[in-house]
Every structure is written in structure tokens, then in C-alpha cells.
N, C-alpha and C. Protein backbone atom coordinates (compact mmCIF):
# COMPACT_ATOMS: atom_id res chain seq x y z
N MET A 1 0.41 -1.42 -0.17
CA MET A 1 -0.25 -0.01 0.33
C MET A 1 0.96 1.30 0.07
N THR A 2 0.29 2.09 -0.70
CA THR A 2 1.41 3.47 -0.72
C THR A 2 0.17 4.71 -0.44
N THR A 3 0.96 5.29 0.26
CA THR A 3 0.20 6.71 0.68
C THR A 3 0.37 8.29 -0.23
N TYR A 4 -0.30 8.70 -0.67
CA TYR A 4 0.37 9.59 -1.40
C TYR A 4 -0.85 10.76 -0.71
N ARG A 5 0.15 12.26 -1.07
CA ARG A 5 -0.62 13.85 -0.58
C ARG A 5 -0.73 14.42 -1.63
N LEU A 6 -2.25 14.70 -2.04
CA LEU A 6 -3.04 15.39 -2.94
C LEU A 6 -2.44 16.60 -2.56
N LEU A 7 -1.54 16.93 -4.18
CA LEU A 7 -1.38 18.10 -4.55
C LEU A 7 -2.00 18.93 -5.65
N ASN A 8 -2.82 20.29 -5.51
CA ASN A 8 -3.86 20.44 -7.33
C ASN A 8 -2.25 20.56 -8.39
N ASN A 9 -2.62 19.93 -9.24
CA ASN A 9 -1.94 20.01 -10.60
C ASN A 9 -2.38 21.54 -10.89
N VAL A 10 -1.26 22.46 -10.96
CA VAL A 10 -0.92 23.50 -11.30
C VAL A 10 -0.51 23.87 -12.65
N ASN A 11 0.29 22.78 -12.97
CA ASN A 11 0.67 22.94 -14.14
C ASN A 11 -0.20 22.46 -15.30
N GLY A 12 -1.18 21.95 -15.30
CA GLY A 12 -2.62 21.74 -15.66
C GLY A 12 -3.73 22.60 -15.82
N PHE A 13 -3.76 23.12 -14.59
CA PHE A 13 -5.51 22.86 -14.22
C PHE A 13 -5.63 23.98 -13.39
N HIS A 14 -6.50 24.69 -13.40
CA HIS A 14 -6.71 25.87 -12.91
C HIS A 14 -6.88 25.26 -11.46
N GLU A 15 -7.14 26.22 -9.90
CA GLU A 15 -7.50 25.83 -8.88
C GLU A 15 -8.27 27.04 -8.31
N ALA A 16 -9.36 25.89 -7.29
CA ALA A 16 -10.91 26.09 -6.93
C ALA A 16 -10.38 27.10 -6.12
N PHE A 17 -11.30 27.93 -5.77
CA PHE A 17 -11.73 29.24 -4.89
C PHE A 17 -12.87 29.11 -4.84
N VAL A 18 -13.14 28.31 -3.90
CA VAL A 18 -15.04 28.60 -2.90
C VAL A 18 -14.66 29.89 -2.07
N ASP A 19 -16.06 30.53 -2.70
CA ASP A 19 -16.17 32.07 -2.39
C ASP A 19 -16.70 31.98 -0.43
N PHE A 20 -16.16 31.49 0.14
CA PHE A 20 -15.83 31.55 2.13
C PHE A 20 -16.94 32.90 2.50
N ARG A 21 -16.66 34.02 1.83
CA ARG A 21 -17.65 35.00 2.70
C ARG A 21 -19.33 34.22 2.80
N ALA A 22 -19.29 33.95 1.39
CA ALA A 22 -20.65 33.95 1.17
C ALA A 22 -21.10 32.76 2.31
N MET A 23 -20.46 31.63 1.88
CA MET A 23 -20.72 30.33 3.32
C MET A 23 -20.28 30.71 4.19
N ARG A 24 -19.25 31.62 4.64
CA ARG A 24 -19.37 31.52 6.06
C ARG A 24 -20.81 31.93 6.67
N LYS A 25 -21.48 32.99 5.85
CA LYS A 25 -23.10 33.25 6.57
C LYS A 25 -23.96 33.01 6.84
N GLN A 26 -23.99 31.21 5.98
CA GLN A 26 -24.31 30.08 6.33
C GLN A 26 -24.05 29.30 7.97
N PHE A 27 -23.41 29.81 8.59
CA PHE A 27 -22.81 28.66 9.93
C PHE A 27 -22.47 29.61 10.80
N GLU A 28 -23.15 29.03 11.81
CA GLU A 28 -22.86 29.60 13.56
C GLU A 28 -21.16 29.22 14.09
N GLY A 29 -20.41 30.37 13.32
CA GLY A 29 -19.38 31.12 14.43
C GLY A 29 -18.12 29.96 13.50
N VAL A 30 -18.40 29.62 11.78
CA VAL A 30 -16.72 28.67 11.12
C VAL A 30 -16.22 29.94 10.89
N LYS A 31 -15.41 29.35 10.96
CA LYS A 31 -13.49 30.33 10.11
C LYS A 31 -12.79 29.64 9.34
N VAL A 32 -12.16 30.18 8.77
CA VAL A 32 -11.75 29.86 7.68
C VAL A 32 -10.63 28.67 7.84
N TRP A 33 -9.97 28.53 9.47
CA TRP A 33 -9.53 27.28 9.48
C TRP A 33 -10.34 26.01 10.03
N PHE A 34 -11.69 26.12 9.61
CA PHE A 34 -12.21 25.07 9.97
C PHE A 34 -11.84 23.85 9.74
N SER A 35 -10.93 23.55 8.02
CA SER A 35 -10.97 22.38 8.30
C SER A 35 -9.46 21.81 9.03
N GLN A 36 -8.91 22.91 9.23
CA GLN A 36 -7.26 22.44 9.53
C GLN A 36 -8.05 22.09 11.60
N LYS A 37 -9.34 22.09 12.52
CA LYS A 37 -9.58 21.98 13.35
C LYS A 37 -10.70 20.83 12.73
N ASN A 38 -10.81 20.27 11.84
CA ASN A 38 -11.59 18.89 11.11
C ASN A 38 -13.20 19.37 11.98
N GLU A 39 -13.51 20.47 11.77
CA GLU A 39 -15.20 20.90 12.42
C GLU A 39 -15.93 20.06 11.10
N SER A 40 -16.86 19.86 11.70
CA SER A 40 -18.16 19.20 10.39
C SER A 40 -18.75 20.67 10.38
N LEU A 41 -18.82 21.10 8.97
CA LEU A 41 -19.60 22.36 8.59
C LEU A 41 -21.16 21.87 9.12
N GLY A 42 -21.59 21.00 8.73
CA GLY A 42 -23.01 20.55 9.06
C GLY A 42 -23.66 20.40 10.47
N ASP A 43 -22.91 20.09 11.21
CA ASP A 43 -23.07 20.79 12.44
C ASP A 43 -23.20 22.09 12.98
N ARG A 44 -22.85 22.72 12.28
CA ARG A 44 -22.97 24.58 12.39
C ARG A 44 -24.02 25.61 11.36
N LEU A 45 -24.44 24.63 10.57
CA LEU A 45 -25.51 25.54 9.67
C LEU A 45 -26.51 25.82 10.45
N LYS A 46 -27.43 27.34 10.16
CA LYS A 46 -27.98 27.96 10.96
C LYS A 46 -29.57 27.49 9.81
N GLY A 47 -29.21 27.03 8.94
CA GLY A 47 -30.51 26.56 7.78
C GLY A 47 -30.41 25.75 7.06
N ASP A 48 -30.72 25.87 6.01
CA ASP A 48 -31.04 24.99 4.63
C ASP A 48 -29.09 25.51 3.86
N TRP A 49 -28.60 24.38 3.49
CA TRP A 49 -27.66 25.17 3.06
C TRP A 49 -27.52 25.43 1.65
N GLN A 50 -27.80 26.45 1.24
CA GLN A 50 -27.65 27.24 -0.22
C GLN A 50 -26.17 27.41 -0.85
N PRO A 51 -25.87 27.00 -1.99
CA PRO A 51 -25.18 26.52 -2.91
C PRO A 51 -24.30 28.29 -3.06
N VAL A 52 -23.11 28.31 -2.99
CA VAL A 52 -22.34 29.38 -2.82
C VAL A 52 -21.24 29.02 -4.29
N ALA A 53 -20.76 30.64 -4.94
CA ALA A 53 -20.03 30.52 -5.82
C ALA A 53 -18.43 29.65 -6.09
N VAL A 54 -17.86 29.12 -6.49
CA VAL A 54 -16.65 28.47 -6.87
C VAL A 54 -16.02 28.87 -8.02
N THR A 55 -14.73 29.44 -8.18
CA THR A 55 -13.72 29.98 -8.80
C THR A 55 -13.17 29.42 -9.20
N PHE A 56 -12.27 29.37 -10.69
CA PHE A 56 -11.26 28.78 -11.32
C PHE A 56 -9.93 29.97 -11.66
N GLU A 57 -8.77 29.54 -10.77
CA GLU A 57 -8.11 30.37 -11.22
C GLU A 57 -6.49 29.55 -11.42
N SER A 58 -5.90 30.30 -11.81
CA SER A 58 -4.58 30.13 -12.41
C SER A 58 -3.65 31.32 -13.17
N ASP A 59 -2.12 31.17 -13.00
CA ASP A 59 -1.64 31.77 -14.08
C ASP A 59 -1.83 31.47 -15.25
N LYS A 60 -2.15 30.13 -15.77
CA LYS A 60 -2.11 30.14 -16.93
C LYS A 60 -3.58 30.13 -17.57
N LYS A 61 -3.87 30.86 -18.52
CA LYS A 61 -5.20 31.01 -19.06
C LYS A 61 -5.32 29.56 -19.73
N SER A 62 -4.52 28.85 -19.99
CA SER A 62 -4.49 27.75 -20.79
C SER A 62 -5.01 26.71 -19.81
N ASN A 63 -4.84 26.92 -19.27
CA ASN A 63 -5.13 25.40 -18.03
C ASN A 63 -6.83 24.97 -18.31
N ALA A 64 -6.86 24.31 -17.83
CA ALA A 64 -8.43 23.75 -17.94
C ALA A 64 -8.95 23.29 -15.97
N VAL A 65 -10.28 23.49 -16.17
CA VAL A 65 -11.08 23.47 -15.46
C VAL A 65 -11.05 22.18 -14.10
N PRO A 66 -10.66 21.83 -12.68
CA PRO A 66 -10.48 20.34 -12.72
C PRO A 66 -11.19 20.00 -12.78
N ASP A 67 -11.82 18.86 -12.43
CA ASP A 67 -12.72 17.36 -11.95
C ASP A 67 -12.92 17.64 -9.91
N ILE A 68 -11.31 18.01 -9.90
CA ILE A 68 -11.18 17.33 -8.26
C ILE A 68 -9.99 18.85 -8.02
N SER A 69 -9.86 19.38 -7.08
CA SER A 69 -9.08 20.76 -6.98
C SER A 69 -9.05 20.58 -5.41
N VAL A 70 -8.06 20.86 -4.52
CA VAL A 70 -7.96 21.00 -3.09
C VAL A 70 -7.68 22.40 -2.98
N TRP A 71 -8.36 22.86 -1.89
CA TRP A 71 -8.90 23.69 -1.33
C TRP A 71 -9.72 23.91 0.23
N ASN A 72 -8.59 25.14 0.58
CA ASN A 72 -8.52 25.52 2.01
C ASN A 72 -7.67 24.18 3.28
N TYR A 73 -6.57 24.32 1.89
CA TYR A 73 -6.11 22.84 2.79
C TYR A 73 -6.15 21.20 2.50
N SER A 74 -7.48 21.11 2.78
CA SER A 74 -7.62 19.64 3.48
C SER A 74 -9.43 19.55 2.98
N CYS A 75 -10.11 20.21 2.43
CA CYS A 75 -10.94 19.76 1.75
C CYS A 75 -11.16 19.87 0.03
N LEU A 76 -11.44 19.17 -0.59
CA LEU A 76 -11.94 19.44 -2.11
C LEU A 76 -12.73 19.54 -2.74
N VAL A 77 -12.92 19.94 -3.77
CA VAL A 77 -13.91 20.95 -5.36
C VAL A 77 -13.97 19.86 -5.82
N LEU A 78 -15.10 19.35 -6.38
CA LEU A 78 -15.66 17.79 -7.15
C LEU A 78 -16.66 18.47 -7.89
N SER A 79 -16.28 18.00 -9.69
CA SER A 79 -17.14 18.22 -10.60
C SER A 79 -17.99 17.47 -10.03
N GLU A 80 -19.38 17.34 -10.94
CA GLU A 80 -20.13 16.31 -11.01
C GLU A 80 -19.91 14.99 -11.11
N LYS A 81 -18.96 15.24 -12.50
CA LYS A 81 -18.68 13.71 -12.74
C LYS A 81 -17.09 12.89 -11.15
N ALA A 82 -17.00 13.74 -10.84
CA ALA A 82 -15.98 13.41 -10.13
C ALA A 82 -16.97 12.92 -8.45
N LYS A 83 -18.04 13.75 -8.28
CA LYS A 83 -18.16 13.38 -6.95
C LYS A 83 -19.25 11.84 -7.51
N ASN A 84 -20.07 11.74 -8.50
CA ASN A 84 -20.55 10.65 -8.75
C ASN A 84 -19.48 9.51 -8.74
N ASP A 85 -18.27 9.68 -9.51
CA ASP A 85 -17.15 8.57 -8.92
C ASP A 85 -16.45 8.30 -8.01
N LEU A 86 -16.31 9.16 -7.06
CA LEU A 86 -15.62 9.08 -5.73
C LEU A 86 -16.95 9.27 -4.82
N GLY A 87 -17.99 9.57 -5.05
CA GLY A 87 -18.69 9.78 -4.41
C GLY A 87 -19.21 8.75 -2.75
N PRO A 88 -19.48 7.39 -3.79
CA PRO A 88 -19.47 6.36 -2.78
C PRO A 88 -18.60 5.49 -1.81
N LEU A 89 -17.66 5.85 -1.99
CA LEU A 89 -15.79 6.05 -1.60
C LEU A 89 -15.80 6.75 -0.09
N LEU A 90 -16.07 8.01 -0.31
CA LEU A 90 -16.10 8.96 0.82
C LEU A 90 -17.07 9.42 1.67
N GLU A 91 -18.49 8.77 1.23
CA GLU A 91 -19.72 8.53 2.39
C GLU A 91 -18.96 9.00 3.54
N GLY A 92 -18.30 7.91 4.13
CA GLY A 92 -18.00 7.46 5.47
C GLY A 92 -16.90 8.84 5.81
N VAL A 93 -16.75 9.57 5.19
CA VAL A 93 -15.62 9.81 5.53
C VAL A 93 -15.15 11.45 5.42
N GLY A 94 -16.15 12.49 4.57
CA GLY A 94 -16.44 13.67 5.26
C GLY A 94 -17.72 13.82 4.68
N GLU A 95 -17.85 15.16 4.41
CA GLU A 95 -19.35 15.48 4.28
C GLU A 95 -19.35 16.77 3.19
N PHE A 96 -20.66 16.48 2.15
CA PHE A 96 -20.88 16.85 0.41
C PHE A 96 -21.75 18.30 0.97
N PHE A 97 -21.16 19.13 -0.03
CA PHE A 97 -22.18 20.54 0.22
C PHE A 97 -22.23 21.01 -1.35
N PRO A 98 -23.28 20.86 -1.89
CA PRO A 98 -23.42 21.57 -3.44
C PRO A 98 -23.33 23.00 -3.86
N LEU A 99 -22.33 23.08 -4.57
CA LEU A 99 -21.79 24.42 -5.07
C LEU A 99 -22.38 25.25 -6.18
N VAL A 100 -22.78 26.40 -6.91
CA VAL A 100 -22.67 26.43 -8.14
C VAL A 100 -22.24 25.99 -9.13
N ASP A 101 -23.40 25.64 -10.54
CA ASP A 101 -22.52 25.08 -11.34
C ASP A 101 -22.08 23.68 -11.72
N GLY A 102 -22.75 22.88 -10.95
CA GLY A 102 -22.54 22.03 -10.75
C GLY A 102 -21.01 21.37 -10.16
N PHE A 103 -20.99 21.38 -8.83
CA PHE A 103 -19.54 21.10 -8.15
C PHE A 103 -20.08 21.32 -7.11
N TRP A 104 -19.33 20.56 -6.30
CA TRP A 104 -19.48 19.98 -4.78
C TRP A 104 -18.33 20.29 -3.76
N LEU A 105 -18.60 20.76 -2.79
CA LEU A 105 -17.60 21.23 -1.38
C LEU A 105 -17.73 19.67 -0.92
N PHE A 106 -16.36 18.71 -0.59
CA PHE A 106 -15.88 18.15 -0.10
C PHE A 106 -15.52 18.14 1.23
N ASN A 107 -15.89 18.21 3.32
CA ASN A 107 -15.27 18.32 3.76
C ASN A 107 -14.37 17.33 4.57
N CYS A 108 -13.58 17.37 4.14
CA CYS A 108 -12.58 15.83 4.46
C CYS A 108 -12.69 15.73 6.71
N LEU A 109 -13.43 14.83 6.66
CA LEU A 109 -13.50 14.89 8.54
C LEU A 109 -12.37 13.29 9.10
N ASP A 110 -11.61 12.50 7.84
CA ASP A 110 -10.81 11.33 8.71
C ASP A 110 -10.21 12.00 8.98
N ALA A 111 -9.32 11.59 9.92
CA ALA A 111 -7.90 12.38 10.15
C ALA A 111 -7.08 11.36 11.05
N VAL A 112 -5.85 11.27 10.96
CA VAL A 112 -4.85 10.14 12.11
C VAL A 112 -4.15 10.81 12.93
N GLY A 113 -3.45 10.12 14.03
CA GLY A 113 -2.87 11.21 15.10
C GLY A 113 -1.44 10.27 14.92
N GLY A 114 -0.58 11.23 15.89
CA GLY A 114 0.56 11.18 15.69
C GLY A 114 1.23 9.26 15.86
N GLU A 115 0.45 8.54 16.23
CA GLU A 115 0.95 7.17 16.32
C GLU A 115 0.78 6.44 15.18
N VAL A 116 0.67 7.19 13.69
CA VAL A 116 0.69 6.19 12.72
C VAL A 116 2.14 7.29 11.83
N ILE A 117 2.45 7.94 12.72
CA ILE A 117 3.79 8.05 11.83
C ILE A 117 5.09 7.23 12.48
N ASP A 118 5.98 6.62 11.51
CA ASP A 118 7.14 6.01 11.83
C ASP A 118 8.22 6.60 12.12
N HIS A 119 8.88 7.19 12.97
CA HIS A 119 9.27 8.29 13.97
C HIS A 119 10.84 7.70 13.38
N ALA A 120 11.67 6.55 13.58
CA ALA A 120 12.74 6.45 12.50
C ALA A 120 12.74 6.89 11.23
N LYS A 121 11.90 6.83 10.75
CA LYS A 121 12.23 7.72 9.47
C LYS A 121 11.89 9.12 8.78
N SER A 122 11.10 9.91 9.56
CA SER A 122 10.29 10.92 9.79
C SER A 122 10.78 12.06 10.36
N LYS A 123 11.11 13.15 9.78
CA LYS A 123 11.82 14.44 10.47
C LYS A 123 10.44 15.63 10.67
N PHE A 124 11.13 16.26 11.36
CA PHE A 124 9.98 17.54 11.51
C PHE A 124 10.97 18.83 11.83
N GLN A 125 10.38 20.19 11.51
CA GLN A 125 11.09 21.40 11.33
C GLN A 125 10.85 21.52 13.38
N MET A 126 11.96 21.99 13.22
CA MET A 126 12.06 22.57 15.05
C MET A 126 12.01 23.73 15.00
N GLU A 127 12.56 25.00 14.37
CA GLU A 127 12.77 26.32 14.49
C GLU A 127 11.83 27.06 15.43
N SER A 128 10.98 27.18 15.45
CA SER A 128 9.64 27.01 16.19
C SER A 128 8.99 26.38 16.79
N GLU A 129 7.81 26.87 17.75
CA GLU A 129 6.83 26.22 18.25
C GLU A 129 5.94 26.19 16.96
N ASP A 130 5.76 27.38 15.88
CA ASP A 130 4.63 27.20 14.86
C ASP A 130 5.06 26.48 13.96
N SER A 131 6.08 26.26 13.47
CA SER A 131 7.06 25.33 12.77
C SER A 131 7.02 23.81 12.62
N MET A 132 6.74 22.92 14.40
CA MET A 132 6.87 21.93 14.41
C MET A 132 5.88 21.18 13.63
N HIS A 133 4.87 21.53 13.17
CA HIS A 133 4.07 20.58 12.47
C HIS A 133 4.32 20.34 10.95
N ILE A 134 5.59 20.91 10.60
CA ILE A 134 5.66 21.13 9.28
C ILE A 134 6.66 19.97 8.95
N PRO A 135 6.05 18.93 8.39
CA PRO A 135 7.18 17.51 8.20
C PRO A 135 8.68 18.05 7.13
N LYS A 136 9.75 17.49 7.11
CA LYS A 136 10.77 17.54 6.42
C LYS A 136 10.71 16.20 5.24
N GLU A 137 10.46 15.17 7.26
CA GLU A 137 10.30 14.10 5.94
C GLU A 137 8.99 13.32 6.95
N LEU A 138 8.21 12.82 5.84
CA LEU A 138 7.27 11.68 6.21
C LEU A 138 7.08 10.69 6.11
N VAL A 139 6.85 9.59 7.08
CA VAL A 139 6.94 8.04 6.71
C VAL A 139 6.09 7.65 7.88
N LEU A 140 4.78 7.00 7.20
CA LEU A 140 3.19 6.49 7.53
C LEU A 140 3.92 4.79 7.87
N LEU A 141 3.34 4.54 8.96
CA LEU A 141 3.14 2.48 9.51
C LEU A 141 2.42 3.19 8.64
N GLU A 142 2.39 1.14 7.33
CA GLU A 142 1.39 1.08 6.93
C GLU A 142 0.04 0.31 7.37
N GLU A 143 0.37 0.04 8.53
CA GLU A 143 -0.13 -1.18 9.55
C GLU A 143 -1.09 -0.20 10.05
N LYS A 144 -1.35 1.40 10.32
CA LYS A 144 -1.55 2.34 11.15
C LYS A 144 -3.04 3.13 10.26
N VAL A 145 -2.55 3.32 8.63
CA VAL A 145 -3.05 3.62 7.38
C VAL A 145 -4.15 2.84 7.00
N GLN A 146 -4.15 1.60 7.09
CA GLN A 146 -4.61 0.85 6.34
C GLN A 146 -5.88 0.72 6.33
N GLY A 147 -6.45 0.87 5.07
CA GLY A 147 -8.07 1.18 5.34
C GLY A 147 -8.32 2.07 5.28
N LYS A 148 -7.62 3.28 5.38
CA LYS A 148 -7.73 4.68 5.32
C LYS A 148 -7.85 4.50 4.20
N LEU A 149 -9.17 5.58 3.31
CA LEU A 149 -8.95 6.00 1.85
C LEU A 149 -8.66 7.43 1.49
N LEU A 150 -9.29 8.33 2.40
CA LEU A 150 -9.12 9.70 2.19
C LEU A 150 -8.80 10.29 3.34
N PHE A 151 -7.55 10.81 3.98
CA PHE A 151 -7.46 11.15 5.57
C PHE A 151 -6.81 12.66 5.95
N LYS A 152 -6.96 13.17 6.61
CA LYS A 152 -5.54 14.67 7.25
C LYS A 152 -4.57 13.52 8.51
N PRO A 153 -3.52 14.70 8.15
CA PRO A 153 -2.30 14.13 9.02
C PRO A 153 -3.10 15.29 10.75
N GLY A 154 -4.02 14.74 11.79
CA GLY A 154 -3.86 15.28 12.62
C GLY A 154 -2.68 16.11 13.54
N PHE A 155 -1.58 15.39 13.45
CA PHE A 155 -0.47 15.49 13.68
C PHE A 155 0.35 16.27 13.26
N ALA A 156 -0.41 16.71 12.32
CA ALA A 156 0.21 18.30 11.36
C ALA A 156 -0.89 19.16 11.07
N HIS A 157 -1.65 19.68 12.30
CA HIS A 157 -2.91 20.38 12.39
C HIS A 157 -3.92 19.88 11.21
N ASN A 158 -3.73 18.91 10.87
CA ASN A 158 -4.76 19.14 9.94
C ASN A 158 -4.79 19.28 8.34
N SER A 159 -3.68 19.31 7.82
CA SER A 159 -2.99 20.72 7.22
C SER A 159 -3.27 20.24 5.86
N PHE A 160 -3.21 19.12 5.61
CA PHE A 160 -3.18 18.84 4.32
C PHE A 160 -3.91 17.40 4.22
N LEU A 161 -4.34 16.85 2.67
CA LEU A 161 -5.00 15.91 2.25
C LEU A 161 -3.85 14.63 2.16
N LEU A 162 -4.28 13.30 2.33
CA LEU A 162 -3.05 12.15 2.34
C LEU A 162 -4.01 11.07 1.63
N CYS A 163 -3.81 10.30 1.31
CA CYS A 163 -5.04 9.42 -0.05
C CYS A 163 -4.25 7.87 -0.05
N ALA A 164 -5.01 7.23 -0.13
CA ALA A 164 -4.40 5.51 -0.28
C ALA A 164 -4.61 5.49 -2.13
N ASP A 165 -3.71 4.29 -2.24
CA ASP A 165 -3.84 3.62 -3.90
C ASP A 165 -5.38 3.80 -4.16
N ALA A 166 -6.54 2.98 -3.61
CA ALA A 166 -7.97 3.17 -3.92
C ALA A 166 -8.36 4.30 -4.25
N PHE A 167 -8.43 5.12 -3.52
CA PHE A 167 -8.70 6.82 -4.00
C PHE A 167 -7.93 7.16 -5.31
N LYS A 168 -6.52 6.45 -5.69
CA LYS A 168 -5.49 7.12 -6.71
C LYS A 168 -6.10 6.39 -7.73
N ASP A 169 -6.45 5.02 -7.86
CA ASP A 169 -6.99 4.29 -8.79
C ASP A 169 -8.47 4.53 -9.27
N VAL A 170 -9.13 5.33 -7.98
CA VAL A 170 -10.34 5.81 -8.84
C VAL A 170 -10.23 7.13 -9.49
N VAL A 171 -9.54 7.81 -9.44
CA VAL A 171 -9.09 9.49 -9.73
C VAL A 171 -8.65 8.87 -11.49
N GLU A 172 -7.98 8.22 -11.23
CA GLU A 172 -7.10 7.49 -12.23
C GLU A 172 -8.10 7.09 -13.47
N ASP A 173 -8.42 6.00 -12.88
CA ASP A 173 -9.49 5.03 -13.85
C ASP A 173 -10.56 6.10 -14.57
N SER A 174 -11.49 6.87 -13.68
CA SER A 174 -12.39 7.83 -14.26
C SER A 174 -11.58 9.02 -14.97
N GLN A 175 -10.46 9.17 -15.44
CA GLN A 175 -9.70 10.29 -15.97
C GLN A 175 -10.24 12.09 -15.50
N LEU A 176 -10.22 11.64 -13.49
CA LEU A 176 -9.91 12.98 -13.17
C LEU A 176 -9.30 13.73 -13.27
N GLY A 177 -9.02 14.96 -13.70
CA GLY A 177 -8.21 15.49 -13.42
C GLY A 177 -8.18 16.75 -12.25
N GLY A 178 -6.97 17.51 -12.24
CA GLY A 178 -7.23 18.68 -11.40
C GLY A 178 -6.02 18.24 -10.25
N VAL A 179 -5.58 17.01 -9.92
CA VAL A 179 -4.67 17.15 -8.75
C VAL A 179 -3.46 15.74 -9.12
N VAL A 180 -2.19 15.80 -8.38
CA VAL A 180 -1.62 15.12 -8.62
C VAL A 180 -1.43 14.39 -7.28
N PHE A 181 -0.67 13.36 -7.38
CA PHE A 181 -0.46 11.91 -6.21
C PHE A 181 0.88 12.08 -5.52
N GLU A 182 1.57 12.19 -4.86
CA GLU A 182 3.04 12.71 -4.20
C GLU A 182 2.83 11.33 -3.74
N LYS A 183 4.23 11.10 -4.00
CA LYS A 183 4.81 10.05 -3.21
C LYS A 183 5.51 10.72 -1.52
N ASP A 184 6.24 11.27 -1.78
CA ASP A 184 6.58 12.71 -1.07
C ASP A 184 5.83 13.50 0.21
N LEU A 185 5.33 12.30 1.06
CA LEU A 185 4.71 13.42 2.19
C LEU A 185 4.78 14.58 2.62
N ALA A 186 5.96 15.35 2.25
CA ALA A 186 6.26 15.90 2.97
C ALA A 186 6.32 17.51 2.30
N ARG A 187 6.46 16.74 0.51
CA ARG A 187 6.17 17.73 -0.24
C ARG A 187 4.81 18.89 -0.28
N VAL A 188 5.97 20.25 -0.20
CA VAL A 188 4.61 20.67 0.00
C VAL A 188 3.80 21.79 -1.63
N PHE A 189 4.72 21.85 -2.34
CA PHE A 189 4.24 22.63 -3.79
C PHE A 189 5.14 21.54 -4.85
N LEU A 190 4.15 21.90 -6.30
CA LEU A 190 4.88 21.24 -7.55
C LEU A 190 6.30 21.64 -7.40
């Protein structure tokens, strides 16, 4: 089993940006860092969810609109096709919210703790207390993440998304564009 870090494919696809101001108005006290605190949005809704806008931007005008994009560190923006193909796999892993124009927001709620880290092979920055969660090298114990499909590292403030081969296989088999699967779990950018 291989674990991958999900990164936006900024070389071929735009990145998704959800209108957080419009989104925040629908919740009680939700801050932009909700995903890093691993907070359920559904539990904080004031009423019925009203879809909000999503835009797609990049430095390259020739980039395509993605089927799947990482937003706000550990959420996904999914096209209708991506939601149809990945939805059954993600049902117990987080929550879906429709966005405008047929897109979906997926708030991943599955997280793992420090017990999954292979401490003999991993290294973390130690310059300051704020940087201690930033990995220089990160290796996970396979037996501790067995059965996890898409998840966040609670030991690193839930600040990115990790996935297993099963998730990657569905994305590739369905030809869903927008992300890359990085084996170097500490890598932040392409």
C-alpha cells in the first residue's frame, strides 16, 4: 500500500476557490481554518445549505477547469463527474455540500494521530513552536493507515490531504484531472 499527498496540478489545471464569505454567512461561528480544526460544517449550519460560488484561477489561461481540486488545505472541490465517481467511496469520510454550476465541496473529516508516524524515518522542522508540525520527511506506518481512503494528519494540524491507492485508482480510472499524487508526503508544492 502506498500513501500519497494530494496536491493541485497547477501546471495543467486551475485551482478552485470557494466564496468563503458567502459560505460563512450560512454557519454559526465558522472560521476559515475550520478544516484544520477538523470541524463538521453540517453541525454548524444555521438553516438549509444554499450553494455558493466557486471560481477557478491560475497563472496560465490555458489551464483546464479541474474535476478535483484541493481547497482550504484539506477540502476538495469536485465536479459532478468526480462526485459521482468518488461519492460512494467518500460517504463515511466527510461531508458534501453542493456549490454552484454543478460542483461540490467535500469537507474531509477523517484524521489520524501521531501514532501513524514512523518516527525512525520521519523528521519535523523545529525552528519554532509554530513550525513543529511541518514535516521535512514524513513516513507513515502502513499497518496504522490500512483501510484509510482519504484522510488528514491530525499531528500536523490537519493541514493537508493524504490518500491511499484505492482513491488514486478511482481518480485515474475515471480520468479525473486536477490533482497529482505525491509520494513524498512532506512535499508542499509542485
